[in-house]
Amino acid sequence: MSSATASAHRSSVRQFLVHYAEMVLAMILGMALLGPPLGAIPGDGRGQMLLVMGISMTVPMVAWMHHRGHSRRANAEMAASMLVPTGLAIAVHGAGLIEDFDAVMVGEHVVMLLAMAGVMLARPSEYLHCHAAD
C-alpha cells in the first residue's frame, strides 16, 4: 500500500469513527435533555422507560445526521438501528423472558451500538466521507 493510499485509508477510518462518536454524543445529550420531559408523560412501566430512552436518543441523533447532510434513507436506517432494539427490549422484558430490567436495558444499548456500526459498515459510502456541514 502506498503512503498516499495508507493516508487516505486512515482518513476514511478517522471520518467513520468521528461520525460514530458524534452520533453517540447526540444520543447522550438527547437522553439528558429529552429524557426528563418525555419521562414525565403520565404512565408507568419499564416498557415506557425503554421507549422513552430509545426515542430520546434517536431523535437528536437523526437530527444531527440530517444537519450533516445525510440522506433520508441513511437517517431512516439509523433510526431503525435504534428503535428496533428498543422494541425488542420491550418485548423481551414484557414477555418475562429476561426479568432483570438492568440486563435488558444494558442489552438494549449494546444492541443499539452494534446495530449503528452495522448500518454504517453496510453503507460505507454514506459514512466514510465528509458531508455538507463538515
Protein backbone atom coordinates (compact mmCIF):
# COMPACT_ATOMS: atom_id res chain seq x y z
CA MET A 1 0.00 0.00 0.00
CA SER A 2 1.47 3.36 -0.99
CA SER A 3 1.77 6.12 1.58
CA ALA A 4 -0.95 8.11 -0.20
CA THR A 5 -3.28 5.10 -0.12
CA ALA A 6 -2.47 4.45 3.53
CA SER A 7 -3.10 8.11 4.35
CA ALA A 8 -6.46 8.06 2.55
CA HIS A 9 -7.41 4.86 4.40
CA ARG A 10 -6.52 6.41 7.78
CA SER A 11 -8.54 9.50 6.87
CA SER A 12 -11.58 7.37 5.96
CA VAL A 13 -11.32 5.34 9.17
CA ARG A 14 -10.95 8.54 11.17
CA GLN A 15 -14.04 10.04 9.49
CA PHE A 16 -16.00 6.87 10.22
CA LEU A 17 -15.01 6.88 13.90
CA VAL A 18 -15.64 10.61 14.30
CA HIS A 19 -19.10 10.21 12.81
CA TYR A 20 -19.87 7.30 15.14
CA ALA A 21 -18.67 9.31 18.15
CA GLU A 22 -20.79 12.32 17.08
CA MET A 23 -23.88 10.12 16.93
CA VAL A 24 -23.18 8.64 20.36
CA LEU A 25 -22.68 12.14 21.79
CA ALA A 26 -26.01 13.25 20.26
CA MET A 27 -27.64 10.21 21.87
CA ILE A 28 -26.20 11.03 25.30
CA LEU A 29 -27.28 14.66 25.02
CA GLY A 30 -30.73 13.51 23.92
CA MET A 31 -31.11 11.28 26.97
CA ALA A 32 -30.05 14.15 29.21
CA LEU A 33 -32.24 16.80 27.57
CA LEU A 34 -35.26 14.89 26.26
CA GLY A 35 -35.38 12.06 28.77
CA PRO A 36 -36.77 14.07 31.71
CA PRO A 37 -39.66 15.75 29.86
CA LEU A 38 -40.55 12.54 27.98
CA GLY A 39 -40.27 10.58 31.20
CA ALA A 40 -42.77 12.94 32.83
CA ILE A 41 -45.53 11.77 30.46
CA PRO A 42 -48.13 10.01 32.60
CA GLY A 43 -47.83 6.27 32.60
CA ASP A 44 -45.82 3.68 34.32
CA GLY A 45 -43.87 0.63 33.49
CA ARG A 46 -40.45 -0.26 32.43
CA GLY A 47 -41.52 -0.66 28.82
CA GLN A 48 -42.35 3.02 28.77
CA MET A 49 -38.92 3.77 30.25
CA LEU A 50 -37.22 1.78 27.48
CA LEU A 51 -39.32 3.54 24.85
CA VAL A 52 -38.52 6.99 26.28
CA MET A 53 -34.81 6.16 26.22
CA GLY A 54 -34.99 4.89 22.65
CA ILE A 55 -36.85 7.95 21.39
CA SER A 56 -34.78 10.45 23.37
CA MET A 57 -31.61 9.02 21.82
CA THR A 58 -32.92 8.53 18.29
CA VAL A 59 -34.42 11.98 17.67
CA PRO A 60 -31.27 14.05 18.29
CA MET A 61 -29.02 11.53 16.55
CA VAL A 62 -31.13 11.63 13.39
CA ALA A 63 -31.41 15.43 13.64
CA TRP A 64 -27.60 15.61 13.77
CA MET A 65 -27.31 13.32 10.77
CA HIS A 66 -29.80 15.50 8.87
CA HIS A 67 -27.77 18.59 9.81
CA ARG A 68 -24.64 16.87 8.48
CA GLY A 69 -26.31 16.23 5.12
CA HIS A 70 -27.07 12.52 5.29
CA SER A 71 -29.76 11.10 3.05
CA ARG A 72 -33.29 10.32 4.22
CA ARG A 73 -32.55 6.67 3.64
CA ALA A 74 -29.47 6.81 5.90
CA ASN A 75 -31.45 8.67 8.56
CA ALA A 76 -34.26 6.09 8.42
CA GLU A 77 -31.83 3.17 8.60
CA MET A 78 -30.04 4.70 11.58
CA ALA A 79 -33.35 5.38 13.33
CA ALA A 80 -34.27 1.73 12.78
CA SER A 81 -30.93 0.67 14.26
CA MET A 82 -32.11 2.38 17.45
CA LEU A 83 -35.82 1.68 17.51
CA VAL A 84 -35.76 -2.00 16.53
CA PRO A 85 -33.57 -2.90 19.55
CA THR A 86 -35.86 -0.76 21.70
CA GLY A 87 -38.89 -2.70 20.53
CA LEU A 88 -37.08 -6.00 21.07
CA ALA A 89 -36.06 -4.98 24.59
CA ILE A 90 -39.65 -4.02 25.41
CA ALA A 91 -40.91 -7.34 24.03
CA VAL A 92 -38.28 -9.44 25.82
CA HIS A 93 -38.91 -7.77 29.16
CA GLY A 94 -42.69 -7.63 28.72
CA ALA A 95 -42.82 -11.34 27.90
CA GLY A 96 -40.79 -12.11 31.01
CA LEU A 97 -38.00 -13.75 29.01
CA ILE A 98 -35.47 -11.68 30.96
CA GLU A 99 -36.78 -10.34 34.22
CA ASP A 100 -33.64 -8.43 35.23
CA PHE A 101 -34.51 -4.95 33.95
CA ASP A 102 -30.93 -3.69 34.21
CA ALA A 103 -29.78 -6.55 31.98
CA VAL A 104 -32.49 -5.74 29.45
CA MET A 105 -31.54 -2.06 29.45
CA VAL A 106 -27.82 -2.79 29.03
CA GLY A 107 -28.65 -5.28 26.29
CA GLU A 108 -30.80 -2.69 24.52
CA HIS A 109 -27.92 -0.21 24.48
CA VAL A 110 -25.31 -2.76 23.38
CA VAL A 111 -27.52 -3.95 20.52
CA MET A 112 -28.18 -0.33 19.51
CA LEU A 113 -24.47 0.48 19.34
CA LEU A 114 -23.73 -2.68 17.36
CA ALA A 115 -26.66 -2.05 15.01
CA MET A 116 -25.45 1.51 14.39
CA ALA A 117 -21.99 0.20 13.49
CA GLY A 118 -23.59 -2.44 11.27
CA VAL A 119 -25.62 0.15 9.39
CA MET A 120 -22.50 2.25 8.91
CA LEU A 121 -20.45 -0.72 7.70
CA ALA A 122 -23.23 -1.77 5.32
CA ARG A 123 -23.14 1.64 3.60
CA PRO A 124 -19.53 2.83 3.82
CA SER A 125 -20.02 5.39 1.06
CA GLU A 126 -22.50 7.17 3.34
CA TYR A 127 -20.16 7.33 6.33
CA LEU A 128 -16.59 7.39 5.03
CA HIS A 129 -16.62 10.87 3.56
CA CYS A 130 -17.26 14.40 4.72
CA HIS A 131 -20.77 15.81 4.47
CA ALA A 132 -22.14 19.29 3.86
CA ALA A 133 -21.73 20.57 7.42
CA ASP A 134 -18.08 19.46 7.75
